[in-house]
C-alpha atoms as a PDB file:
ATOM      1  CA  MET A   1      50.555 -71.912  29.901  1.00  0.00           C
ATOM      2  CA  GLY A   2      53.505 -74.202  30.535  1.00  0.00           C
ATOM      3  CA  TRP A   3      56.646 -74.371  32.565  1.00  0.00           C
ATOM      4  CA  THR A   4      59.917 -73.009  31.298  1.00  0.00           C
ATOM      5  CA  ASP A   5      63.094 -74.571  32.635  1.00  0.00           C
ATOM      6  CA  ARG A   6      65.856 -73.998  30.117  1.00  0.00           C
ATOM      7  CA  ALA A   7      69.483 -74.050  31.147  1.00  0.00           C
ATOM      8  CA  PRO A   8      72.183 -71.841  29.547  1.00  0.00           C
ATOM      9  CA  GLY A   9      73.236 -72.537  25.990  1.00  0.00           C
ATOM     10  CA  PRO A  10      75.114 -75.550  24.709  1.00  0.00           C
ATOM     11  CA  THR A  11      78.525 -73.873  24.695  1.00  0.00           C
ATOM     12  CA  LYS A  12      78.600 -74.070  28.472  1.00  0.00           C
ATOM     13  CA  HIS A  13      77.142 -77.506  29.028  1.00  0.00           C
ATOM     14  CA  ALA A  14      77.478 -79.675  25.897  1.00  0.00           C
ATOM     15  CA  HIS A  15      80.685 -81.706  25.505  1.00  0.00           C
ATOM     16  CA  ALA A  16      81.645 -83.556  22.358  1.00  0.00           C
ATOM     17  CA  LEU A  17      82.802 -86.919  23.758  1.00  0.00           C
ATOM     18  CA  ARG A  18      82.876 -90.251  21.975  1.00  0.00           C
ATOM     19  CA  GLY A  19      81.328 -93.481  23.206  1.00  0.00           C
ATOM     20  CA  LEU A  20      77.847 -92.490  24.437  1.00  0.00           C
ATOM     21  CA  SER A  21      76.108 -95.167  22.440  1.00  0.00           C
ATOM     22  CA  VAL A  22      78.315 -97.892  23.936  1.00  0.00           C
ATOM     23  CA  ALA A  23      77.742 -96.612  27.444  1.00  0.00           C
ATOM     24  CA  LEU A  24      73.983 -96.439  26.918  1.00  0.00           C
ATOM     25  CA  ALA A  25      73.959 -99.997  25.643  1.00  0.00           C
ATOM     26  CA  LEU A  26      75.837-101.221  28.711  1.00  0.00           C
ATOM     27  CA  LEU A  27      73.628 -99.305  31.108  1.00  0.00           C
ATOM     28  CA  LEU A  28      70.259-100.128  29.626  1.00  0.00           C
ATOM     29  CA  THR A  29      70.868-103.798  28.860  1.00  0.00           C
ATOM     30  CA  THR A  30      72.105-104.212  32.433  1.00  0.00           C
ATOM     31  CA  ALA A  31      68.699-103.007  33.608  1.00  0.00           C
ATOM     32  CA  CYS A  32      66.877-105.887  31.950  1.00  0.00           C
ATOM     33  CA  GLN A  33      69.582-108.480  32.670  1.00  0.00           C
ATOM     34  CA  ALA A  34      69.231-107.775  36.370  1.00  0.00           C
ATOM     35  CA  GLY A  35      66.096-109.910  36.410  1.00  0.00           C
ATOM     36  CA  PRO A  36      62.341-109.342  36.634  1.00  0.00           C
ATOM     37  CA  THR A  37      61.840-109.740  40.366  1.00  0.00           C
ATOM     38  CA  THR A  38      62.869-106.397  41.884  1.00  0.00           C
ATOM     39  CA  PRO A  39      63.947-103.069  40.471  1.00  0.00           C
ATOM     40  CA  PRO A  40      67.668-102.333  40.927  1.00  0.00           C
ATOM     41  CA  SER A  41      68.451-100.199  43.948  1.00  0.00           C
ATOM     42  CA  THR A  42      71.789 -98.796  42.826  1.00  0.00           C
ATOM     43  CA  PRO A  43      72.075 -95.192  41.649  1.00  0.00           C
ATOM     44  CA  PRO A  44      71.081 -94.824  37.984  1.00  0.00           C
ATOM     45  CA  SER A  45      74.465 -93.599  36.831  1.00  0.00           C
ATOM     46  CA  THR A  46      76.390 -96.657  38.087  1.00  0.00           C
ATOM     47  CA  PRO A  47      74.696-100.032  37.458  1.00  0.00           C
ATOM     48  CA  ALA A  48      75.423-102.723  40.017  1.00  0.00           C
ATOM     49  CA  GLY A  49      78.696-104.521  39.444  1.00  0.00           C
ATOM     50  CA  GLN A  50      79.610-102.384  36.460  1.00  0.00           C
ATOM     51  CA  THR A  51      81.992 -99.514  35.933  1.00  0.00           C
ATOM     52  CA  VAL A  52      81.665 -97.506  32.759  1.00  0.00           C
ATOM     53  CA  ALA A  53      84.840 -95.681  31.852  1.00  0.00           C
ATOM     54  CA  ALA A  54      84.737 -92.144  30.522  1.00  0.00           C
ATOM     55  CA  ALA A  55      85.547 -91.797  26.854  1.00  0.00           C
ATOM     56  CA  PRO A  56      88.443 -89.534  25.960  1.00  0.00           C
ATOM     57  CA  PRO A  57      87.394 -86.032  24.920  1.00  0.00           C
ATOM     58  CA  THR A  58      87.818 -84.945  21.361  1.00  0.00           C
ATOM     59  CA  SER A  59      89.817 -81.906  20.420  1.00  0.00           C
ATOM     60  CA  ALA A  60      86.921 -80.307  18.596  1.00  0.00           C
ATOM     61  CA  THR A  61      85.477 -77.105  20.002  1.00  0.00           C
ATOM     62  CA  PRO A  62      81.657 -77.043  20.088  1.00  0.00           C
ATOM     63  CA  ASP A  63      80.156 -74.703  17.531  1.00  0.00           C
ATOM     64  CA  PRO A  64      78.047 -72.117  19.381  1.00  0.00           C
ATOM     65  CA  SER A  65      75.861 -71.664  16.315  1.00  0.00           C
ATOM     66  CA  ALA A  66      75.048 -75.363  15.990  1.00  0.00           C
ATOM     67  CA  SER A  67      71.350 -76.197  15.919  1.00  0.00           C
ATOM     68  CA  THR A  68      71.743 -79.375  17.981  1.00  0.00           C
ATOM     69  CA  VAL A  69      73.209 -80.210  21.354  1.00  0.00           C
ATOM     70  CA  VAL A  70      75.789 -82.990  21.137  1.00  0.00           C
ATOM     71  CA  VAL A  71      75.186 -84.934  24.330  1.00  0.00           C
ATOM     72  CA  SER A  72      77.538 -87.316  26.047  1.00  0.00           C
ATOM     73  CA  ASP A  73      78.132 -88.586  29.536  1.00  0.00           C
ATOM     74  CA  PRO A  74      80.877 -90.822  30.878  1.00  0.00           C
ATOM     75  CA  ASP A  75      78.435 -92.774  33.041  1.00  0.00           C
ATOM     76  CA  GLY A  76      76.157 -93.531  30.100  1.00  0.00           C
ATOM     77  CA  ALA A  77      72.995 -91.962  31.550  1.00  0.00           C
ATOM     78  CA  PRO A  78      70.411 -91.185  28.838  1.00  0.00           C
ATOM     79  CA  CYS A  79      68.977 -88.191  30.720  1.00  0.00           C
ATOM     80  CA  LEU A  80      71.456 -85.504  31.714  1.00  0.00           C
ATOM     81  CA  GLY A  81      69.588 -82.255  32.288  1.00  0.00           C
ATOM     82  CA  ALA A  82      71.386 -80.807  29.249  1.00  0.00           C
ATOM     83  CA  PRO A  83      70.049 -77.678  27.550  1.00  0.00           C
ATOM     84  CA  PRO A  84      67.222 -78.532  25.140  1.00  0.00           C
ATOM     85  CA  PRO A  85      68.330 -78.367  21.516  1.00  0.00           C
ATOM     86  CA  GLN A  86      67.403 -75.325  19.493  1.00  0.00           C
ATOM     87  CA  ARG A  87      65.368 -77.726  17.361  1.00  0.00           C
ATOM     88  CA  TRP A  88      63.962 -81.140  18.272  1.00  0.00           C
ATOM     89  CA  GLU A  89      64.331 -83.461  15.304  1.00  0.00           C
ATOM     90  CA  HIS A  90      62.425 -86.522  16.533  1.00  0.00           C
ATOM     91  CA  VAL A  91      59.643 -87.216  19.047  1.00  0.00           C
ATOM     92  CA  LEU A  92      58.604 -90.821  19.695  1.00  0.00           C
ATOM     93  CA  TRP A  93      55.599 -92.024  21.651  1.00  0.00           C
ATOM     94  CA  ILE A  94      55.342 -95.607  22.941  1.00  0.00           C
ATOM     95  CA  TRP A  95      51.874 -96.512  24.184  1.00  0.00           C
ATOM     96  CA  PHE A  96      50.818 -99.416  26.369  1.00  0.00           C
ATOM     97  CA  GLU A  97      47.350-100.452  27.509  1.00  0.00           C
ATOM     98  CA  ASN A  98      44.918-100.472  30.387  1.00  0.00           C
ATOM     99  CA  LYS A  99      47.099-100.253  33.488  1.00  0.00           C
ATOM    100  CA  ALA A 100      47.023 -97.783  36.341  1.00  0.00           C
ATOM    101  CA  ASP A 101      50.137 -95.930  37.423  1.00  0.00           C
ATOM    102  CA  VAL A 102      50.311 -97.944  40.650  1.00  0.00           C
ATOM    103  CA  ALA A 103      50.302-101.230  38.722  1.00  0.00           C
ATOM    104  CA  VAL A 104      53.481-100.294  36.833  1.00  0.00           C
ATOM    105  CA  LEU A 105      55.609 -97.601  38.446  1.00  0.00           C
ATOM    106  CA  GLY A 106      56.917 -99.046  41.691  1.00  0.00           C
ATOM    107  CA  SER A 107      55.837-102.543  40.716  1.00  0.00           C
ATOM    108  CA  PRO A 108      58.348-105.440  40.698  1.00  0.00           C
ATOM    109  CA  GLN A 109      56.681-106.543  37.469  1.00  0.00           C
ATOM    110  CA  ALA A 110      58.252-103.619  35.589  1.00  0.00           C
ATOM    111  CA  PRO A 111      61.912-103.411  36.684  1.00  0.00           C
ATOM    112  CA  TYR A 112      63.095-102.030  33.362  1.00  0.00           C
ATOM    113  CA  LEU A 113      60.620 -99.147  33.059  1.00  0.00           C
ATOM    114  CA  ASN A 114      61.093 -98.317  36.725  1.00  0.00           C
ATOM    115  CA  ARG A 115      64.833 -98.045  36.220  1.00  0.00           C
ATOM    116  CA  VAL A 116      64.338 -95.812  33.176  1.00  0.00           C
ATOM    117  CA  ALA A 117      61.922 -93.642  35.172  1.00  0.00           C
ATOM    118  CA  THR A 118      64.599 -93.259  37.863  1.00  0.00           C
ATOM    119  CA  MET A 119      67.263 -92.412  35.298  1.00  0.00           C
ATOM    120  CA  CYS A 120      64.995 -89.934  33.519  1.00  0.00           C
ATOM    121  CA  GLY A 121      61.630 -88.421  34.473  1.00  0.00           C
ATOM    122  CA  ARG A 122      58.057 -89.373  35.269  1.00  0.00           C
ATOM    123  CA  ALA A 123      54.787 -87.558  35.785  1.00  0.00           C
ATOM    124  CA  ASP A 124      53.310 -87.334  39.255  1.00  0.00           C
ATOM    125  CA  ASP A 125      49.639 -87.249  38.203  1.00  0.00           C
ATOM    126  CA  TYR A 126      49.183 -88.140  34.526  1.00  0.00           C
ATOM    127  CA  HIS A 127      45.690 -89.050  33.309  1.00  0.00           C
ATOM    128  CA  GLY A 128      44.018 -90.734  30.405  1.00  0.00           C
ATOM    129  CA  ILE A 129      41.173 -88.684  28.974  1.00  0.00           C
ATOM    130  CA  THR A 130      38.315 -91.177  29.059  1.00  0.00           C
ATOM    131  CA  HIS A 131      37.356 -94.808  28.415  1.00  0.00           C
ATOM    132  CA  PRO A 132      37.638 -96.991  26.360  1.00  0.00           C
ATOM    133  CA  SER A 133      40.876 -97.016  24.320  1.00  0.00           C
ATOM    134  CA  LEU A 134      40.091 -95.386  20.981  1.00  0.00           C
ATOM    135  CA  PRO A 135      38.968 -91.932  22.168  1.00  0.00           C
ATOM    136  CA  ASN A 136      42.214 -91.637  24.136  1.00  0.00           C
ATOM    137  CA  TYR A 137      44.267 -92.265  21.001  1.00  0.00           C
ATOM    138  CA  LEU A 138      42.196 -89.722  19.088  1.00  0.00           C
ATOM    139  CA  ALA A 139      42.420 -87.136  21.872  1.00  0.00           C
ATOM    140  CA  ALA A 140      46.199 -87.453  22.077  1.00  0.00           C
ATOM    141  CA  THR A 141      46.662 -87.039  18.329  1.00  0.00           C
ATOM    142  CA  SER A 142      44.020 -84.408  17.515  1.00  0.00           C
ATOM    143  CA  GLY A 143      43.020 -82.624  20.710  1.00  0.00           C
ATOM    144  CA  SER A 144      39.514 -84.108  20.709  1.00  0.00           C
ATOM    145  CA  THR A 145      37.749 -87.418  21.336  1.00  0.00           C
ATOM    146  CA  HIS A 146      35.390 -86.523  18.454  1.00  0.00           C
ATOM    147  CA  ASP A 147      32.592 -87.819  20.689  1.00  0.00           C
ATOM    148  CA  VAL A 148      33.778 -91.387  20.050  1.00  0.00           C
ATOM    149  CA  ARG A 149      32.633 -93.657  22.867  1.00  0.00           C
ATOM    150  CA  ASN A 150      33.600 -97.123  21.687  1.00  0.00           C
ATOM    151  CA  ASP A 151      36.419 -98.975  19.951  1.00  0.00           C
ATOM    152  CA  ALA A 152      34.846 -99.523  16.532  1.00  0.00           C
ATOM    153  CA  GLY A 153      37.000 -99.319  13.425  1.00  0.00           C
ATOM    154  CA  PRO A 154      37.591 -96.546  10.879  1.00  0.00           C
ATOM    155  CA  ALA A 155      34.562 -97.587   8.824  1.00  0.00           C
ATOM    156  CA  VAL A 156      32.363 -96.616  11.786  1.00  0.00           C
ATOM    157  CA  HIS A 157      34.488 -93.662  12.905  1.00  0.00           C
ATOM    158  CA  PRO A 158      36.022 -91.874   9.917  1.00  0.00           C
ATOM    159  CA  ILE A 159      37.611 -88.800  11.476  1.00  0.00           C
ATOM    160  CA  ALA A 160      37.787 -85.662   9.357  1.00  0.00           C
ATOM    161  CA  GLY A 161      39.913 -82.667  10.174  1.00  0.00           C
ATOM    162  CA  PRO A 162      43.490 -82.085  11.276  1.00  0.00           C
ATOM    163  CA  SER A 163      45.634 -84.318  13.445  1.00  0.00           C
ATOM    164  CA  LEU A 164      49.181 -84.316  14.701  1.00  0.00           C
ATOM    165  CA  PHE A 165      50.013 -86.545  11.741  1.00  0.00           C
ATOM    166  CA  SER A 166      48.628 -84.084   9.206  1.00  0.00           C
ATOM    167  CA  GLN A 167      50.306 -81.171  10.994  1.00  0.00           C
ATOM    168  CA  VAL A 168      53.671 -82.862  10.670  1.00  0.00           C
ATOM    169  CA  ALA A 169      53.147 -83.561   6.963  1.00  0.00           C
ATOM    170  CA  GLU A 170      51.940 -80.031   6.252  1.00  0.00           C
ATOM    171  CA  ALA A 171      55.108 -78.699   7.878  1.00  0.00           C
ATOM    172  CA  GLY A 172      57.132 -80.595   5.292  1.00  0.00           C
ATOM    173  CA  LEU A 173      58.169 -83.293   7.774  1.00  0.00           C
ATOM    174  CA  GLU A 174      57.436 -87.000   7.966  1.00  0.00           C
ATOM    175  CA  TRP A 175      55.662 -89.174  10.501  1.00  0.00           C
ATOM    176  CA  ARG A 176      55.501 -92.908  11.064  1.00  0.00           C
ATOM    177  CA  SER A 177      53.160 -95.178  12.933  1.00  0.00           C
ATOM    178  CA  TYR A 178      55.129 -98.314  13.810  1.00  0.00           C
ATOM    179  CA  GLN A 179      52.498-100.954  14.482  1.00  0.00           C
ATOM    180  CA  GLU A 180      53.569-104.367  15.706  1.00  0.00           C
ATOM    181  CA  ALA A 181      51.770-107.246  13.927  1.00  0.00           C
ATOM    182  CA  ILE A 182      49.973-104.986  11.423  1.00  0.00           C
ATOM    183  CA  PRO A 183      49.030-107.244   8.468  1.00  0.00           C
ATOM    184  CA  ALA A 184      49.431-104.511   5.813  1.00  0.00           C
ATOM    185  CA  PRO A 185      50.214-100.793   5.790  1.00  0.00           C
ATOM    186  CA  CYS A 186      47.370 -98.728   7.281  1.00  0.00           C
ATOM    187  CA  ALA A 187      45.248-101.821   7.892  1.00  0.00           C
ATOM    188  CA  GLN A 188      41.664-100.746   8.570  1.00  0.00           C
ATOM    189  CA  ASP A 189      40.562-103.919  10.355  1.00  0.00           C
ATOM    190  CA  SER A 190      41.927-105.737  13.370  1.00  0.00           C
ATOM    191  CA  ALA A 191      43.630-109.070  12.710  1.00  0.00           C
ATOM    192  CA  GLY A 192      45.256-111.423  15.194  1.00  0.00           C
ATOM    193  CA  PRO A 193      47.280-109.447  17.749  1.00  0.00           C
ATOM    194  CA  TYR A 194      46.927-106.228  15.717  1.00  0.00           C
ATOM    195  CA  ALA A 195      44.148-103.911  16.948  1.00  0.00           C
ATOM    196  CA  VAL A 196      43.171-101.017  14.712  1.00  0.00           C
ATOM    197  CA  LYS A 197      41.725 -99.195  17.738  1.00  0.00           C
ATOM    198  CA  HIS A 198      45.340 -98.682  18.845  1.00  0.00           C
ATOM    199  CA  ASN A 199      46.357 -97.217  15.486  1.00  0.00           C
ATOM    200  CA  PRO A 200      44.930 -93.691  15.365  1.00  0.00           C
ATOM    201  CA  ALA A 201      46.458 -92.781  12.003  1.00  0.00           C
ATOM    202  CA  ALA A 202      44.133 -95.291  10.343  1.00  0.00           C
ATOM    203  CA  TYR A 203      41.082 -93.235  11.404  1.00  0.00           C
ATOM    204  CA  TYR A 204      41.922 -89.828   9.910  1.00  0.00           C
ATOM    205  CA  THR A 205      40.452 -89.516   6.433  1.00  0.00           C
ATOM    206  CA  GLU A 206      42.876 -86.786   5.376  1.00  0.00           C
ATOM    207  CA  LEU A 207      45.801 -89.174   5.848  1.00  0.00           C
ATOM    208  CA  ARG A 208      44.818 -91.960   3.481  1.00  0.00           C
ATOM    209  CA  SER A 209      47.690 -91.578   1.003  1.00  0.00           C
ATOM    210  CA  ASP A 210      50.326 -90.929   3.654  1.00  0.00           C
ATOM    211  CA  CYS A 211      48.887 -93.688   5.833  1.00  0.00           C
ATOM    212  CA  ALA A 212      49.472 -96.235   3.081  1.00  0.00           C
ATOM    213  CA  ARG A 213      53.177 -95.278   3.081  1.00  0.00           C
ATOM    214  CA  TRP A 214      53.883 -94.363   6.673  1.00  0.00           C
ATOM    215  CA  ASP A 215      51.648 -96.588   8.823  1.00  0.00           C
ATOM    216  CA  VAL A 216      53.907 -99.632   8.842  1.00  0.00           C
ATOM    217  CA  GLY A 217      55.176-102.611  10.812  1.00  0.00           C
ATOM    218  CA  LEU A 218      57.402-102.388  13.855  1.00  0.00           C
ATOM    219  CA  ASP A 219      60.386-103.862  12.007  1.00  0.00           C
ATOM    220  CA  ALA A 220      60.573-100.622  10.021  1.00  0.00           C
ATOM    221  CA  LEU A 221      61.567 -98.805  13.222  1.00  0.00           C
ATOM    222  CA  THR A 222      64.788-100.786  13.512  1.00  0.00           C
ATOM    223  CA  ALA A 223      65.551-100.162   9.846  1.00  0.00           C
ATOM    224  CA  ASP A 224      64.886 -96.429  10.127  1.00  0.00           C
ATOM    225  CA  LEU A 225      67.064 -96.128  13.218  1.00  0.00           C
ATOM    226  CA  ALA A 226      69.919 -97.939  11.491  1.00  0.00           C
ATOM    227  CA  ALA A 227      69.581 -95.803   8.366  1.00  0.00           C
ATOM    228  CA  GLY A 228      69.357 -92.539  10.292  1.00  0.00           C
ATOM    229  CA  SER A 229      65.959 -91.853   8.749  1.00  0.00           C
ATOM    230  CA  LEU A 230      63.810 -91.539  11.864  1.00  0.00           C
ATOM    231  CA  PRO A 231      60.801 -89.278  11.171  1.00  0.00           C
ATOM    232  CA  ALA A 232      59.919 -86.117  13.041  1.00  0.00           C
ATOM    233  CA  PHE A 233      57.064 -87.881  14.857  1.00  0.00           C
ATOM    234  CA  ALA A 234      56.649 -91.583  15.521  1.00  0.00           C
ATOM    235  CA  PHE A 235      53.856 -93.483  17.236  1.00  0.00           C
ATOM    236  CA  VAL A 236      55.023 -96.924  18.411  1.00  0.00           C
ATOM    237  CA  THR A 237      52.353 -99.501  19.267  1.00  0.00           C
ATOM    238  CA  PRO A 238      53.125-103.003  20.583  1.00  0.00           C
ATOM    239  CA  ASP A 239      50.736-105.820  19.711  1.00  0.00           C
ATOM    240  CA  MET A 240      47.813-106.759  21.959  1.00  0.00           C
ATOM    241  CA  CYS A 241      49.977-108.951  24.162  1.00  0.00           C
ATOM    242  CA  ASN A 242      53.120-106.846  24.390  1.00  0.00           C
ATOM    243  CA  ASP A 243      51.124-103.682  25.114  1.00  0.00           C
ATOM    244  CA  THR A 244      49.798-105.439  28.287  1.00  0.00           C
ATOM    245  CA  HIS A 245      46.184-105.363  27.057  1.00  0.00           C
ATOM    246  CA  ASP A 246      45.994-109.153  26.921  1.00  0.00           C
ATOM    247  CA  CYS A 247      49.186-110.014  28.810  1.00  0.00           C
ATOM    248  CA  SER A 248      50.987-109.032  31.980  1.00  0.00           C
ATOM    249  CA  VAL A 249      52.872-105.901  32.928  1.00  0.00           C
ATOM    250  CA  ALA A 250      56.000-108.071  33.014  1.00  0.00           C
ATOM    251  CA  THR A 251      55.461-109.029  29.367  1.00  0.00           C
ATOM    252  CA  GLY A 252      55.261-105.380  28.339  1.00  0.00           C
ATOM    253  CA  ASP A 253      58.327-104.535  30.396  1.00  0.00           C
ATOM    254  CA  THR A 254      60.348-107.257  28.688  1.00  0.00           C
ATOM    255  CA  TRP A 255      59.213-105.988  25.291  1.00  0.00           C
ATOM    256  CA  LEU A 256      60.266-102.437  26.194  1.00  0.00           C
ATOM    257  CA  SER A 257      63.667-103.654  27.376  1.00  0.00           C
ATOM    258  CA  ASP A 258      64.203-105.071  23.882  1.00  0.00           C
ATOM    259  CA  VAL A 259      62.980-102.039  21.919  1.00  0.00           C
ATOM    260  CA  LEU A 260      64.022 -98.947  23.870  1.00  0.00           C
ATOM    261  CA  PRO A 261      67.796 -99.602  24.017  1.00  0.00           C
ATOM    262  CA  THR A 262      67.904 -99.710  20.225  1.00  0.00           C
ATOM    263  CA  ILE A 263      66.402 -96.226  20.165  1.00  0.00           C
ATOM    264  CA  LEU A 264      68.742 -94.885  22.834  1.00  0.00           C
ATOM    265  CA  ARG A 265      71.828 -96.301  21.114  1.00  0.00           C
ATOM    266  CA  SER A 266      70.892 -94.638  17.829  1.00  0.00           C
ATOM    267  CA  ARG A 267      72.722 -91.621  16.468  1.00  0.00           C
ATOM    268  CA  SER A 268      69.421 -89.749  16.486  1.00  0.00           C
ATOM    269  CA  TYR A 269      69.261 -90.030  20.269  1.00  0.00           C
ATOM    270  CA  THR A 270      72.933 -89.539  21.073  1.00  0.00           C
ATOM    271  CA  ASP A 271      72.954 -86.353  18.999  1.00  0.00           C
ATOM    272  CA  GLY A 272      70.651 -84.900  21.656  1.00  0.00           C
ATOM    273  CA  THR A 273      67.696 -84.109  19.380  1.00  0.00           C
ATOM    274  CA  THR A 274      65.322 -86.998  20.159  1.00  0.00           C
ATOM    275  CA  ALA A 275      62.792 -87.442  22.957  1.00  0.00           C
ATOM    276  CA  VAL A 276      60.809 -90.562  23.865  1.00  0.00           C
ATOM    277  CA  PHE A 277      57.568 -90.575  25.857  1.00  0.00           C
ATOM    278  CA  VAL A 278      56.202 -93.835  27.290  1.00  0.00           C
ATOM    279  CA  THR A 279      52.645 -93.969  28.594  1.00  0.00           C
ATOM    280  CA  TYR A 280      49.422 -95.975  28.798  1.00  0.00           C
ATOM    281  CA  ASP A 281      46.149 -95.068  27.114  1.00  0.00           C
ATOM    282  CA  GLU A 282      43.886 -95.579  30.131  1.00  0.00           C
ATOM    283  CA  ASP A 283      43.801 -97.280  33.501  1.00  0.00           C
ATOM    284  CA  ASP A 284      41.744-100.256  34.669  1.00  0.00           C
ATOM    285  CA  SER A 285      38.731 -98.004  35.432  1.00  0.00           C
ATOM    286  CA  ALA A 286      39.543 -98.189  39.145  1.00  0.00           C
ATOM    287  CA  HIS A 287      42.218 -95.519  39.742  1.00  0.00           C
ATOM    288  CA  ASP A 288      40.797 -92.196  38.480  1.00  0.00           C
ATOM    289  CA  ASN A 289      42.408 -92.913  35.082  1.00  0.00           C
ATOM    290  CA  VAL A 290      45.879 -92.136  36.448  1.00  0.00           C
ATOM    291  CA  VAL A 291      48.370 -93.906  34.206  1.00  0.00           C
ATOM    292  CA  PRO A 292      52.168 -94.227  33.992  1.00  0.00           C
ATOM    293  CA  PHE A 293      54.090 -91.585  32.087  1.00  0.00           C
ATOM    294  CA  VAL A 294      57.873 -91.587  31.597  1.00  0.00           C
ATOM    295  CA  ALA A 295      59.855 -88.983  29.647  1.00  0.00           C
ATOM    296  CA  ILE A 296      63.278 -89.803  28.213  1.00  0.00           C
ATOM    297  CA  ALA A 297      65.478 -87.122  26.662  1.00  0.00           C
ATOM    298  CA  PRO A 298      68.984 -85.729  27.190  1.00  0.00           C
ATOM    299  CA  SER A 299      67.375 -82.497  28.416  1.00  0.00           C
ATOM    300  CA  VAL A 300      65.562 -84.234  31.300  1.00  0.00           C
ATOM    301  CA  PRO A 301      67.438 -84.217  34.630  1.00  0.00           C
ATOM    302  CA  ALA A 302      67.714 -87.698  36.123  1.00  0.00           C
ATOM    303  CA  GLY A 303      65.054 -88.354  38.724  1.00  0.00           C
ATOM    304  CA  SER A 304      62.694 -85.626  37.517  1.00  0.00           C
ATOM    305  CA  VAL A 305      59.084 -85.724  38.683  1.00  0.00           C
ATOM    306  CA  PHE A 306      56.713 -83.521  36.691  1.00  0.00           C
ATOM    307  CA  PRO A 307      54.299 -81.937  39.180  1.00  0.00           C
ATOM    308  CA  GLY A 308      50.615 -81.212  38.847  1.00  0.00           C
ATOM    309  CA  ARG A 309      47.874 -82.844  36.861  1.00  0.00           C
ATOM    310  CA  THR A 310      48.805 -83.658  33.269  1.00  0.00           C
ATOM    311  CA  ASP A 311      47.169 -85.782  30.594  1.00  0.00           C
ATOM    312  CA  HIS A 312      47.235 -86.794  26.925  1.00  0.00           C
ATOM    313  CA  TYR A 313      46.493 -83.203  25.899  1.00  0.00           C
ATOM    314  CA  THR A 314      49.662 -82.176  27.745  1.00  0.00           C
ATOM    315  CA  LEU A 315      51.591 -84.724  25.710  1.00  0.00           C
ATOM    316  CA  LEU A 316      50.086 -83.420  22.477  1.00  0.00           C
ATOM    317  CA  ARG A 317      50.786 -79.772  23.358  1.00  0.00           C
ATOM    318  CA  THR A 318      54.367 -80.575  24.381  1.00  0.00           C
ATOM    319  CA  THR A 319      55.014 -82.509  21.168  1.00  0.00           C
ATOM    320  CA  GLU A 320      53.553 -79.753  19.002  1.00  0.00           C
ATOM    321  CA  THR A 321      55.677 -77.156  20.775  1.00  0.00           C
ATOM    322  CA  MET A 322      58.806 -79.257  20.322  1.00  0.00           C
ATOM    323  CA  LEU A 323      58.144 -79.604  16.590  1.00  0.00           C
ATOM    324  CA  GLY A 324      57.126 -75.985  16.060  1.00  0.00           C
ATOM    325  CA  LEU A 325      53.440 -76.747  15.431  1.00  0.00           C
ATOM    326  CA  PRO A 326      50.350 -74.890  16.677  1.00  0.00           C
ATOM    327  CA  PRO A 327      48.177 -76.624  19.290  1.00  0.00           C
ATOM    328  CA  LEU A 328      45.135 -78.571  18.170  1.00  0.00           C
ATOM    329  CA  GLY A 329      41.805 -78.573  19.988  1.00  0.00           C
ATOM    330  CA  LEU A 330      42.011 -78.950  23.756  1.00  0.00           C
ATOM    331  CA  ALA A 331      45.794 -79.048  23.591  1.00  0.00           C
ATOM    332  CA  GLY A 332      45.498 -75.280  23.269  1.00  0.00           C
ATOM    333  CA  SER A 333      44.552 -75.005  26.934  1.00  0.00           C
ATOM    334  CA  ALA A 334      46.986 -77.653  28.155  1.00  0.00           C
ATOM    335  CA  SER A 335      50.311 -77.043  29.854  1.00  0.00           C
ATOM    336  CA  THR A 336      53.626 -78.202  28.429  1.00  0.00           C
ATOM    337  CA  LEU A 337      56.078 -80.461  30.195  1.00  0.00           C
ATOM    338  CA  PRO A 338      59.273 -78.948  31.610  1.00  0.00           C
ATOM    339  CA  HIS A 339      62.738 -79.554  30.146  1.00  0.00           C
ATOM    340  CA  PHE A 340      61.492 -79.464  26.543  1.00  0.00           C
END
């Protein structure tokens, strides 16, 4: 059903070294400081004009029974090809809007995401499910479009039944939907740059009580990262400009260069138990719905390209597998991504 590509256990490959968060900060902020005109051409492990010194090793011996892989790398690369942890603690999705793969990956308008894709992994043929936006968000979080064919709000499309959000809660875990510009928790109507069609949690009727607590503004992401309280699953949605729906690819790339380094500097990420997936909901209706997809995790070898056709159901199936959840709907027949 999916690929398996697991390296030997953490006692052989994981090294407890200090300073990963500092190195990541240097590496990733350099990517956006390099300027928006052309992607950097230097190897991902050594940013141009910068040398990152290796941190001294600690004297601690890794515990072979530990449930996490402590990841570090003297060059500060966020993706190392390390063994996947025995248990993934956090999976984050960041979704952008309405751009084909060819408009982003390889484009000078997205130097930051292109550098991250080079440092980590990208899909070779990743597809949205349909058009317009909303059914893609529903498909990715429940395994079905629920025959939704427009972008109307939750009052028109109340969705009954299970979702990835409800699965997480039923497993005794927590989820968050971090929505930029949301006017109130679990807002059911669009307002200003907030679009409810990009907030799938607001549509599932079984989530109403949790949605009021856990469907929150983007500023809560920074607070949760700082407090070490990142949930098991997080859906991160920029506003209608920063997600490139109403603004340029360059605008979205700048936004990502502000948000992603904070995630990668966090203890949750440097502990080796967090993965981040960046994608777009759909293309511009002119490129067979092939959209960008970038995977960021310590277990991903730098420069990985995931072969074969994949789509939002692949993302759902992979996330469910990582969190120990059964597949929903059409995710049951989807493959899983390698290195997870």
